[in-house]
Amino acid sequence: MKYFADHSMLAAISNLQSTGASILTAMQLLGIISAAIAFGIGAYHLIWGGVRGRQSSIVWFIGGAVGLVVLMGATAIAEYIDSQVIF
């Protein structure tokens, strides 16, 4: 009977991991779209922003790039945490 309890616990953990991976993949797709929008807004400020357009565009460019790097690196962070956790 203990075997079935252990097996069901491992299955639940495996299902949780696959669900998390699916959510992360969807978030990365949305992150790419969001970064493209941020770069577009930054370009708009750079072209049409006038005197302070360059300063405001830099904020959008850096924010979009940093957010994209963090979101794309989330898979590596999740894999590192997964390798460190022991049940």
PDB file of N, CA and C in Angstrom:
ATOM      1  N   MET A   1       0.823  -1.197   0.000  1.00  0.00           N
ATOM      2  CA  MET A   1       0.000   0.000   0.000  1.00  0.00           C
ATOM      3  C   MET A   1       0.865   1.259   0.000  1.00  0.00           C
ATOM      4  N   LYS A   2       2.023   1.195   0.662  1.00  0.00           N
ATOM      5  CA  LYS A   2       2.913   2.354   0.709  1.00  0.00           C
ATOM      6  C   LYS A   2       3.431   2.687  -0.693  1.00  0.00           C
ATOM      7  N   TYR A   3       3.618   1.645  -1.521  1.00  0.00           N
ATOM      8  CA  TYR A   3       4.080   1.873  -2.884  1.00  0.00           C
ATOM      9  C   TYR A   3       3.109   2.750  -3.660  1.00  0.00           C
ATOM     10  N   PHE A   4       1.829   2.494  -3.523  1.00  0.00           N
ATOM     11  CA  PHE A   4       0.832   3.277  -4.250  1.00  0.00           C
ATOM     12  C   PHE A   4       0.791   4.718  -3.774  1.00  0.00           C
ATOM     13  N   ALA A   5       0.997   4.937  -2.482  1.00  0.00           N
ATOM     14  CA  ALA A   5       1.016   6.301  -1.940  1.00  0.00           C
ATOM     15  C   ALA A   5       2.231   7.055  -2.466  1.00  0.00           C
ATOM     16  N   ASP A   6       3.391   6.381  -2.477  1.00  0.00           N
ATOM     17  CA  ASP A   6       4.597   7.021  -2.991  1.00  0.00           C
ATOM     18  C   ASP A   6       4.477   7.290  -4.491  1.00  0.00           C
ATOM     19  N   HIS A   7       3.910   6.343  -5.210  1.00  0.00           N
ATOM     20  CA  HIS A   7       3.746   6.502  -6.657  1.00  0.00           C
ATOM     21  C   HIS A   7       2.798   7.655  -6.986  1.00  0.00           C
ATOM     22  N   SER A   8       1.710   7.765  -6.239  1.00  0.00           N
ATOM     23  CA  SER A   8       0.766   8.852  -6.501  1.00  0.00           C
ATOM     24  C   SER A   8       1.378  10.200  -6.137  1.00  0.00           C
ATOM     25  N   MET A   9       2.224  10.240  -5.105  1.00  0.00           N
ATOM     26  CA  MET A   9       2.892  11.488  -4.731  1.00  0.00           C
ATOM     27  C   MET A   9       3.875  11.910  -5.828  1.00  0.00           C
ATOM     28  N   LEU A  10       4.608  10.954  -6.370  1.00  0.00           N
ATOM     29  CA  LEU A  10       5.543  11.276  -7.450  1.00  0.00           C
ATOM     30  C   LEU A  10       4.798  11.705  -8.710  1.00  0.00           C
ATOM     31  N   ALA A  11       3.666  11.094  -8.968  1.00  0.00           N
ATOM     32  CA  ALA A  11       2.869  11.490 -10.132  1.00  0.00           C
ATOM     33  C   ALA A  11       2.340  12.908  -9.964  1.00  0.00           C
ATOM     34  N   ALA A  12       1.933  13.238  -8.749  1.00  0.00           N
ATOM     35  CA  ALA A  12       1.434  14.595  -8.488  1.00  0.00           C
ATOM     36  C   ALA A  12       2.547  15.623  -8.666  1.00  0.00           C
ATOM     37  N   ILE A  13       3.735  15.308  -8.204  1.00  0.00           N
ATOM     38  CA  ILE A  13       4.870  16.223  -8.359  1.00  0.00           C
ATOM     39  C   ILE A  13       5.229  16.365  -9.835  1.00  0.00           C
ATOM     40  N   SER A  14       5.202  15.270 -10.562  1.00  0.00           N
ATOM     41  CA  SER A  14       5.496  15.321 -11.997  1.00  0.00           C
ATOM     42  C   SER A  14       4.459  16.163 -12.742  1.00  0.00           C
ATOM     43  N   ASN A  15       3.192  16.000 -12.381  1.00  0.00           N
ATOM     44  CA  ASN A  15       2.142  16.807 -13.006  1.00  0.00           C
ATOM     45  C   ASN A  15       2.326  18.283 -12.679  1.00  0.00           C
ATOM     46  N   LEU A  16       2.712  18.581 -11.455  1.00  0.00           N
ATOM     47  CA  LEU A  16       2.946  19.964 -11.047  1.00  0.00           C
ATOM     48  C   LEU A  16       4.113  20.571 -11.825  1.00  0.00           C
ATOM     49  N   GLN A  17       5.167  19.791 -12.030  1.00  0.00           N
ATOM     50  CA  GLN A  17       6.312  20.274 -12.797  1.00  0.00           C
ATOM     51  C   GLN A  17       5.930  20.539 -14.258  1.00  0.00           C
ATOM     52  N   SER A  18       5.170  19.648 -14.842  1.00  0.00           N
ATOM     53  CA  SER A  18       4.791  19.855 -16.245  1.00  0.00           C
ATOM     54  C   SER A  18       3.837  21.033 -16.392  1.00  0.00           C
ATOM     55  N   THR A  19       2.964  21.236 -15.408  1.00  0.00           N
ATOM     56  CA  THR A  19       2.080  22.400 -15.441  1.00  0.00           C
ATOM     57  C   THR A  19       2.883  23.688 -15.330  1.00  0.00           C
ATOM     58  N   GLY A  20       3.855  23.701 -14.428  1.00  0.00           N
ATOM     59  CA  GLY A  20       4.718  24.875 -14.287  1.00  0.00           C
ATOM     60  C   GLY A  20       5.503  25.167 -15.555  1.00  0.00           C
ATOM     61  N   ALA A  21       5.993  24.134 -16.203  1.00  0.00           N
ATOM     62  CA  ALA A  21       6.735  24.319 -17.458  1.00  0.00           C
ATOM     63  C   ALA A  21       5.827  24.878 -18.555  1.00  0.00           C
ATOM     64  N   SER A  22       4.591  24.410 -18.599  1.00  0.00           N
ATOM     65  CA  SER A  22       3.644  24.927 -19.598  1.00  0.00           C
ATOM     66  C   SER A  22       3.318  26.397 -19.345  1.00  0.00           C
ATOM     67  N   ILE A  23       3.125  26.745 -18.084  1.00  0.00           N
ATOM     68  CA  ILE A  23       2.848  28.142 -17.734  1.00  0.00           C
ATOM     69  C   ILE A  23       4.038  29.022 -18.082  1.00  0.00           C
ATOM     70  N   LEU A  24       5.245  28.547 -17.784  1.00  0.00           N
ATOM     71  CA  LEU A  24       6.454  29.315 -18.086  1.00  0.00           C
ATOM     72  C   LEU A  24       6.618  29.522 -19.586  1.00  0.00           C
ATOM     73  N   THR A  25       6.327  28.519 -20.372  1.00  0.00           N
ATOM     74  CA  THR A  25       6.419  28.651 -21.828  1.00  0.00           C
ATOM     75  C   THR A  25       5.423  29.688 -22.350  1.00  0.00           C
ATOM     76  N   ALA A  26       4.205  29.662 -21.815  1.00  0.00           N
ATOM     77  CA  ALA A  26       3.203  30.648 -22.232  1.00  0.00           C
ATOM     78  C   ALA A  26       3.620  32.057 -21.810  1.00  0.00           C
ATOM     79  N   MET A  27       4.185  32.181 -20.610  1.00  0.00           N
ATOM     80  CA  MET A  27       4.632  33.493 -20.146  1.00  0.00           C
ATOM     81  C   MET A  27       5.789  34.012 -20.992  1.00  0.00           C
ATOM     82  N   GLN A  28       6.651  33.121 -21.453  1.00  0.00           N
ATOM     83  CA  GLN A  28       7.756  33.556 -22.303  1.00  0.00           C
ATOM     84  C   GLN A  28       7.242  34.068 -23.641  1.00  0.00           C
ATOM     85  N   LEU A  29       6.229  33.425 -24.183  1.00  0.00           N
ATOM     86  CA  LEU A  29       5.642  33.910 -25.429  1.00  0.00           C
ATOM     87  C   LEU A  29       5.036  35.294 -25.226  1.00  0.00           C
ATOM     88  N   LEU A  30       4.299  35.469 -24.135  1.00  0.00           N
ATOM     89  CA  LEU A  30       3.729  36.781 -23.839  1.00  0.00           C
ATOM     90  C   LEU A  30       4.821  37.814 -23.542  1.00  0.00           C
ATOM     91  N   GLY A  31       5.926  37.361 -22.968  1.00  0.00           N
ATOM     92  CA  GLY A  31       7.042  38.266 -22.693  1.00  0.00           C
ATOM     93  C   GLY A  31       7.689  38.790 -23.958  1.00  0.00           C
ATOM     94  N   ILE A  32       7.789  37.945 -24.971  1.00  0.00           N
ATOM     95  CA  ILE A  32       8.345  38.385 -26.252  1.00  0.00           C
ATOM     96  C   ILE A  32       7.437  39.447 -26.871  1.00  0.00           C
ATOM     97  N   ILE A  33       6.138  39.209 -26.803  1.00  0.00           N
ATOM     98  CA  ILE A  33       5.187  40.176 -27.345  1.00  0.00           C
ATOM     99  C   ILE A  33       5.255  41.486 -26.559  1.00  0.00           C
ATOM    100  N   SER A  34       5.335  41.387 -25.239  1.00  0.00           N
ATOM    101  CA  SER A  34       5.413  42.584 -24.399  1.00  0.00           C
ATOM    102  C   SER A  34       6.696  43.374 -24.657  1.00  0.00           C
ATOM    103  N   ALA A  35       7.807  42.666 -24.845  1.00  0.00           N
ATOM    104  CA  ALA A  35       9.060  43.351 -25.142  1.00  0.00           C
ATOM    105  C   ALA A  35       8.988  44.061 -26.488  1.00  0.00           C
ATOM    106  N   ALA A  36       8.350  43.434 -27.461  1.00  0.00           N
ATOM    107  CA  ALA A  36       8.198  44.079 -28.766  1.00  0.00           C
ATOM    108  C   ALA A  36       7.356  45.353 -28.649  1.00  0.00           C
ATOM    109  N   ILE A  37       6.311  45.292 -27.838  1.00  0.00           N
ATOM    110  CA  ILE A  37       5.485  46.483 -27.612  1.00  0.00           C
ATOM    111  C   ILE A  37       6.289  47.567 -26.906  1.00  0.00           C
ATOM    112  N   ALA A  38       7.079  47.171 -25.898  1.00  0.00           N
ATOM    113  CA  ALA A  38       7.912  48.153 -25.182  1.00  0.00           C
ATOM    114  C   ALA A  38       8.933  48.794 -26.114  1.00  0.00           C
ATOM    115  N   PHE A  39       9.545  48.003 -26.989  1.00  0.00           N
ATOM    116  CA  PHE A  39      10.504  48.567 -27.937  1.00  0.00           C
ATOM    117  C   PHE A  39       9.807  49.503 -28.925  1.00  0.00           C
ATOM    118  N   GLY A  40       8.589  49.150 -29.316  1.00  0.00           N
ATOM    119  CA  GLY A  40       7.822  50.030 -30.203  1.00  0.00           C
ATOM    120  C   GLY A  40       7.479  51.355 -29.539  1.00  0.00           C
ATOM    121  N   ILE A  41       7.081  51.306 -28.271  1.00  0.00           N
ATOM    122  CA  ILE A  41       6.780  52.543 -27.539  1.00  0.00           C
ATOM    123  C   ILE A  41       8.047  53.366 -27.378  1.00  0.00           C
ATOM    124  N   GLY A  42       9.158  52.699 -27.105  1.00  0.00           N
ATOM    125  CA  GLY A  42      10.432  53.412 -26.997  1.00  0.00           C
ATOM    126  C   GLY A  42      10.818  54.079 -28.303  1.00  0.00           C
ATOM    127  N   ALA A  43      10.598  53.381 -29.411  1.00  0.00           N
ATOM    128  CA  ALA A  43      10.902  53.967 -30.714  1.00  0.00           C
ATOM    129  C   ALA A  43      10.000  55.158 -30.994  1.00  0.00           C
ATOM    130  N   TYR A  44       8.732  55.059 -30.606  1.00  0.00           N
ATOM    131  CA  TYR A  44       7.812  56.176 -30.778  1.00  0.00           C
ATOM    132  C   TYR A  44       8.311  57.401 -30.002  1.00  0.00           C
ATOM    133  N   HIS A  45       8.729  57.180 -28.746  1.00  0.00           N
ATOM    134  CA  HIS A  45       9.250  58.298 -27.952  1.00  0.00           C
ATOM    135  C   HIS A  45      10.534  58.861 -28.551  1.00  0.00           C
ATOM    136  N   LEU A  46      11.371  57.981 -29.082  1.00  0.00           N
ATOM    137  CA  LEU A  46      12.630  58.432 -29.672  1.00  0.00           C
ATOM    138  C   LEU A  46      12.383  59.287 -30.913  1.00  0.00           C
ATOM    139  N   ILE A  47      11.424  58.874 -31.735  1.00  0.00           N
ATOM    140  CA  ILE A  47      11.168  59.597 -32.980  1.00  0.00           C
ATOM    141  C   ILE A  47      10.343  60.859 -32.741  1.00  0.00           C
ATOM    142  N   TRP A  48       9.263  60.750 -31.974  1.00  0.00           N
ATOM    143  CA  TRP A  48       8.311  61.841 -31.839  1.00  0.00           C
ATOM    144  C   TRP A  48       8.320  62.507 -30.470  1.00  0.00           C
ATOM    145  N   GLY A  49       9.257  62.149 -29.609  1.00  0.00           N
ATOM    146  CA  GLY A  49       9.228  62.632 -28.231  1.00  0.00           C
ATOM    147  C   GLY A  49       9.741  64.033 -28.009  1.00  0.00           C
ATOM    148  N   GLY A  50      10.322  64.610 -28.991  1.00  0.00           N
ATOM    149  CA  GLY A  50      10.813  65.971 -28.838  1.00  0.00           C
ATOM    150  C   GLY A  50      12.093  66.009 -28.014  1.00  0.00           C
ATOM    151  N   VAL A  51      12.204  67.049 -27.187  1.00  0.00           N
ATOM    152  CA  VAL A  51      13.429  67.291 -26.422  1.00  0.00           C
ATOM    153  C   VAL A  51      13.702  66.151 -25.439  1.00  0.00           C
ATOM    154  N   ARG A  52      12.706  65.693 -24.737  1.00  0.00           N
ATOM    155  CA  ARG A  52      12.889  64.663 -23.727  1.00  0.00           C
ATOM    156  C   ARG A  52      12.578  63.261 -24.252  1.00  0.00           C
ATOM    157  N   GLY A  53      12.419  63.128 -25.548  1.00  0.00           N
ATOM    158  CA  GLY A  53      12.069  61.849 -26.147  1.00  0.00           C
ATOM    159  C   GLY A  53      13.138  60.798 -25.982  1.00  0.00           C
ATOM    160  N   ARG A  54      14.390  61.205 -26.117  1.00  0.00           N
ATOM    161  CA  ARG A  54      15.478  60.238 -25.985  1.00  0.00           C
ATOM    162  C   ARG A  54      15.565  59.690 -24.574  1.00  0.00           C
ATOM    163  N   GLN A  55      15.395  60.548 -23.574  1.00  0.00           N
ATOM    164  CA  GLN A  55      15.455  60.081 -22.186  1.00  0.00           C
ATOM    165  C   GLN A  55      14.332  59.101 -21.874  1.00  0.00           C
ATOM    166  N   SER A  56      13.142  59.381 -22.333  1.00  0.00           N
ATOM    167  CA  SER A  56      12.031  58.471 -22.053  1.00  0.00           C
ATOM    168  C   SER A  56      12.129  57.190 -22.879  1.00  0.00           C
ATOM    169  N   SER A  57      12.722  57.265 -24.060  1.00  0.00           N
ATOM    170  CA  SER A  57      12.857  56.056 -24.871  1.00  0.00           C
ATOM    171  C   SER A  57      13.873  55.094 -24.267  1.00  0.00           C
ATOM    172  N   ILE A  58      14.908  55.607 -23.654  1.00  0.00           N
ATOM    173  CA  ILE A  58      15.924  54.748 -23.034  1.00  0.00           C
ATOM    174  C   ILE A  58      15.298  53.917 -21.926  1.00  0.00           C
ATOM    175  N   VAL A  59      14.395  54.514 -21.163  1.00  0.00           N
ATOM    176  CA  VAL A  59      13.713  53.786 -20.090  1.00  0.00           C
ATOM    177  C   VAL A  59      12.923  52.610 -20.666  1.00  0.00           C
ATOM    178  N   TRP A  60      12.216  52.836 -21.763  1.00  0.00           N
ATOM    179  CA  TRP A  60      11.440  51.769 -22.382  1.00  0.00           C
ATOM    180  C   TRP A  60      12.334  50.675 -22.953  1.00  0.00           C
ATOM    181  N   PHE A  61      13.452  51.083 -23.589  1.00  0.00           N
ATOM    182  CA  PHE A  61      14.364  50.091 -24.166  1.00  0.00           C
ATOM    183  C   PHE A  61      15.007  49.225 -23.078  1.00  0.00           C
ATOM    184  N   ILE A  62      15.502  49.851 -22.026  1.00  0.00           N
ATOM    185  CA  ILE A  62      16.160  49.100 -20.955  1.00  0.00           C
ATOM    186  C   ILE A  62      15.152  48.212 -20.225  1.00  0.00           C
ATOM    187  N   GLY A  63      13.971  48.760 -19.945  1.00  0.00           N
ATOM    188  CA  GLY A  63      12.948  47.962 -19.266  1.00  0.00           C
ATOM    189  C   GLY A  63      12.521  46.751 -20.074  1.00  0.00           C
ATOM    190  N   GLY A  64      12.326  46.941 -21.361  1.00  0.00           N
ATOM    191  CA  GLY A  64      11.948  45.823 -22.220  1.00  0.00           C
ATOM    192  C   GLY A  64      13.040  44.772 -22.316  1.00  0.00           C
ATOM    193  N   ALA A  65      14.285  45.216 -22.420  1.00  0.00           N
ATOM    194  CA  ALA A  65      15.405  44.270 -22.540  1.00  0.00           C
ATOM    195  C   ALA A  65      15.631  43.503 -21.246  1.00  0.00           C
ATOM    196  N   VAL A  66      15.613  44.199 -20.120  1.00  0.00           N
ATOM    197  CA  VAL A  66      15.828  43.531 -18.827  1.00  0.00           C
ATOM    198  C   VAL A  66      14.699  42.552 -18.538  1.00  0.00           C
ATOM    199  N   GLY A  67      13.471  42.964 -18.793  1.00  0.00           N
ATOM    200  CA  GLY A  67      12.346  42.064 -18.581  1.00  0.00           C
ATOM    201  C   GLY A  67      12.429  40.831 -19.452  1.00  0.00           C
ATOM    202  N   LEU A  68      12.837  40.999 -20.688  1.00  0.00           N
ATOM    203  CA  LEU A  68      12.961  39.869 -21.600  1.00  0.00           C
ATOM    204  C   LEU A  68      14.074  38.917 -21.163  1.00  0.00           C
ATOM    205  N   VAL A  69      15.192  39.462 -20.725  1.00  0.00           N
ATOM    206  CA  VAL A  69      16.302  38.615 -20.268  1.00  0.00           C
ATOM    207  C   VAL A  69      15.902  37.824 -19.028  1.00  0.00           C
ATOM    208  N   VAL A  70      15.234  38.474 -18.090  1.00  0.00           N
ATOM    209  CA  VAL A  70      14.818  37.784 -16.870  1.00  0.00           C
ATOM    210  C   VAL A  70      13.802  36.692 -17.195  1.00  0.00           C
ATOM    211  N   LEU A  71      12.853  37.005 -18.047  1.00  0.00           N
ATOM    212  CA  LEU A  71      11.825  36.026 -18.381  1.00  0.00           C
ATOM    213  C   LEU A  71      12.397  34.852 -19.164  1.00  0.00           C
ATOM    214  N   MET A  72      13.319  35.110 -20.066  1.00  0.00           N
ATOM    215  CA  MET A  72      13.921  34.011 -20.821  1.00  0.00           C
ATOM    216  C   MET A  72      14.873  33.196 -19.944  1.00  0.00           C
ATOM    217  N   GLY A  73      15.453  33.826 -18.945  1.00  0.00           N
ATOM    218  CA  GLY A  73      16.317  33.111 -18.012  1.00  0.00           C
ATOM    219  C   GLY A  73      15.557  32.358 -16.943  1.00  0.00           C
ATOM    220  N   ALA A  74      14.246  32.520 -16.894  1.00  0.00           N
ATOM    221  CA  ALA A  74      13.432  31.857 -15.874  1.00  0.00           C
ATOM    222  C   ALA A  74      13.496  30.341 -16.004  1.00  0.00           C
ATOM    223  N   THR A  75      13.651  29.839 -17.209  1.00  0.00           N
ATOM    224  CA  THR A  75      13.762  28.390 -17.392  1.00  0.00           C
ATOM    225  C   THR A  75      15.027  27.867 -16.726  1.00  0.00           C
ATOM    226  N   ALA A  76      16.129  28.569 -16.902  1.00  0.00           N
ATOM    227  CA  ALA A  76      17.376  28.158 -16.264  1.00  0.00           C
ATOM    228  C   ALA A  76      17.270  28.254 -14.748  1.00  0.00           C
ATOM    229  N   ILE A  77      16.627  29.297 -14.256  1.00  0.00           N
ATOM    230  CA  ILE A  77      16.441  29.438 -12.814  1.00  0.00           C
ATOM    231  C   ILE A  77      15.572  28.307 -12.280  1.00  0.00           C
ATOM    232  N   ALA A  78      14.498  27.982 -12.981  1.00  0.00           N
ATOM    233  CA  ALA A  78      13.618  26.897 -12.544  1.00  0.00           C
ATOM    234  C   ALA A  78      14.327  25.547 -12.567  1.00  0.00           C
ATOM    235  N   GLU A  79      15.144  25.306 -13.583  1.00  0.00           N
ATOM    236  CA  GLU A  79      15.893  24.051 -13.641  1.00  0.00           C
ATOM    237  C   GLU A  79      16.924  23.969 -12.528  1.00  0.00           C
ATOM    238  N   TYR A  80      17.558  25.081 -12.187  1.00  0.00           N
ATOM    239  CA  TYR A  80      18.514  25.095 -11.079  1.00  0.00           C
ATOM    240  C   TYR A  80      17.809  24.780  -9.763  1.00  0.00           C
ATOM    241  N   ILE A  81      16.680  25.395  -9.528  1.00  0.00           N
ATOM    242  CA  ILE A  81      15.930  25.142  -8.290  1.00  0.00           C
ATOM    243  C   ILE A  81      15.463  23.687  -8.246  1.00  0.00           C
ATOM    244  N   ASP A  82      15.019  23.167  -9.386  1.00  0.00           N
ATOM    245  CA  ASP A  82      14.578  21.789  -9.455  1.00  0.00           C
ATOM    246  C   ASP A  82      15.717  20.818  -9.138  1.00  0.00           C
ATOM    247  N   SER A  83      16.916  21.147  -9.587  1.00  0.00           N
ATOM    248  CA  SER A  83      18.047  20.258  -9.299  1.00  0.00           C
ATOM    249  C   SER A  83      18.497  20.332  -7.841  1.00  0.00           C
ATOM    250  N   GLN A  84      18.187  21.428  -7.143  1.00  0.00           N
ATOM    251  CA  GLN A  84      18.599  21.590  -5.759  1.00  0.00           C
ATOM    252  C   GLN A  84      17.595  21.018  -4.756  1.00  0.00           C
ATOM    253  N   VAL A  85      16.347  20.879  -5.158  1.00  0.00           N
ATOM    254  CA  VAL A  85      15.312  20.389  -4.244  1.00  0.00           C
ATOM    255  C   VAL A  85      15.354  18.859  -4.211  1.00  0.00           C
ATOM    256  N   ILE A  86      15.389  18.339  -3.005  1.00  0.00           N
ATOM    257  CA  ILE A  86      15.429  16.877  -2.828  1.00  0.00           C
ATOM    258  C   ILE A  86      14.266  16.479  -1.927  1.00  0.00           C
ATOM    259  N   PHE A  87      13.482  15.502  -2.388  1.00  0.00           N
ATOM    260  CA  PHE A  87      12.369  15.009  -1.571  1.00  0.00           C
ATOM    261  C   PHE A  87      12.764  13.732  -0.908  1.00  0.00           C
TER     262      PHE A  87
END
